[in-house]
Protein backbone atom coordinates (compact mmCIF):
# COMPACT_ATOMS: atom_id res chain seq x y z
CA PRO A 1 135.69 173.39 160.34
CA VAL A 2 135.48 177.05 159.29
CA ARG A 3 131.69 177.15 159.77
CA GLN A 4 132.00 175.30 163.08
CA SER A 5 134.50 177.92 164.26
CA GLN A 6 132.10 180.70 163.27
CA LEU A 7 129.23 179.06 165.15
CA HIS A 8 131.43 178.52 168.18
CA ALA A 9 132.50 182.18 168.18
CA ARG A 10 128.83 183.24 168.08
CA GLY A 11 127.92 180.88 170.94
CA ARG A 12 125.75 178.70 168.70
CA THR A 13 127.74 175.58 169.56
CA LEU A 14 129.78 174.51 172.55
CA THR A 15 132.38 172.53 170.62
CA LEU A 16 134.81 172.85 167.76
CA ARG A 17 134.65 169.08 167.25
CA SER A 18 131.15 168.43 165.96
CA ALA A 19 129.68 165.10 164.92
CA HIS A 20 128.42 167.01 161.87
CA LEU A 21 132.02 167.37 160.70
CA GLU A 22 132.44 163.59 160.91
CA GLY A 23 129.22 162.85 158.98
CA ARG A 24 127.58 161.32 162.07
CA ALA A 25 125.00 164.03 162.76
CA LEU A 26 122.26 166.01 161.11
CA ASP A 27 119.81 168.71 162.08
CA VAL A 28 116.14 168.22 161.22
CA VAL A 29 113.91 171.29 161.04
CA LEU A 30 110.20 170.58 161.32
CA LEU A 31 107.76 172.59 159.23
CA GLY A 32 104.49 173.94 160.57
CA PRO A 33 101.16 173.85 158.71
CA ASP A 34 102.11 177.14 157.08
CA GLY A 35 105.26 175.56 155.61
CA LYS A 36 107.55 177.68 157.77
CA PRO A 37 110.14 176.29 160.22
CA ASP A 38 108.63 175.35 163.58
CA TYR A 39 111.06 175.37 166.50
CA THR A 40 108.51 174.47 169.20
CA PHE A 41 110.54 172.22 171.50
CA GLU A 42 107.57 170.00 172.40
CA HIS A 43 107.09 169.18 168.70
CA TYR A 44 110.72 168.07 168.56
CA ARG A 45 110.25 166.01 171.72
CA LEU A 46 107.40 164.11 170.01
CA PHE A 47 109.39 163.70 166.79
CA ALA A 48 112.43 162.50 168.73
CA ALA A 49 110.32 159.86 170.48
CA VAL A 50 109.40 158.41 167.08
CA VAL A 51 113.01 158.58 165.83
CA LYS A 52 114.23 156.88 169.02
CA ALA A 53 111.62 154.11 168.74
CA VAL A 54 112.47 153.39 165.10
CA SER A 55 116.21 153.50 165.74
CA ALA A 56 115.79 151.04 168.62
CA LEU A 57 113.85 148.67 166.35
CA CYS A 58 116.67 148.95 163.81
CA ARG A 59 119.29 148.50 166.57
CA VAL A 60 120.89 151.83 165.71
CA LYS A 61 122.00 153.85 168.72
CA ILE A 62 121.35 157.56 168.41
CA ILE A 63 121.77 160.66 170.51
CA TRP A 64 119.17 163.42 170.50
CA GLY A 65 120.37 166.93 171.26
CA GLY A 66 117.20 167.60 173.23
CA ASP A 67 118.46 165.21 175.92
CA TRP A 68 121.67 167.17 176.53
CA GLU A 69 121.97 168.98 179.84
CA ARG A 70 124.04 172.01 178.81
CA LEU A 71 122.42 172.86 175.49
CA HIS A 72 118.98 171.57 174.50
CA ASP A 73 119.30 171.22 170.72
CA GLY A 74 115.97 169.79 169.57
CA VAL A 75 116.89 169.70 165.89
CA HIS A 76 120.06 167.65 166.43
CA PHE A 77 120.30 163.87 165.91
CA GLU A 78 123.50 161.87 165.72
CA LEU A 79 124.78 158.32 165.62
CA ALA A 80 126.12 157.26 169.00
CA PRO A 81 129.76 156.20 169.13
CA ASP A 82 130.27 152.43 168.96
């Protein structure tokens, strides 16, 4: 909650009630060929397509932050509420 409040104050998140705090979300950072973080949104779009396909096969509903309208968060994946 303290870290979430800090991120909210800096405008890095839009909520104080994050799925991360409930253990239902994680952020995945892709690495480029040089081993450094790669934040190219199109790379996350491709990765998310694979995650979505596998989760559908496993009948696990997920939410990808890249699909959000207000804040496109490509690194964010979370379990959808039941």
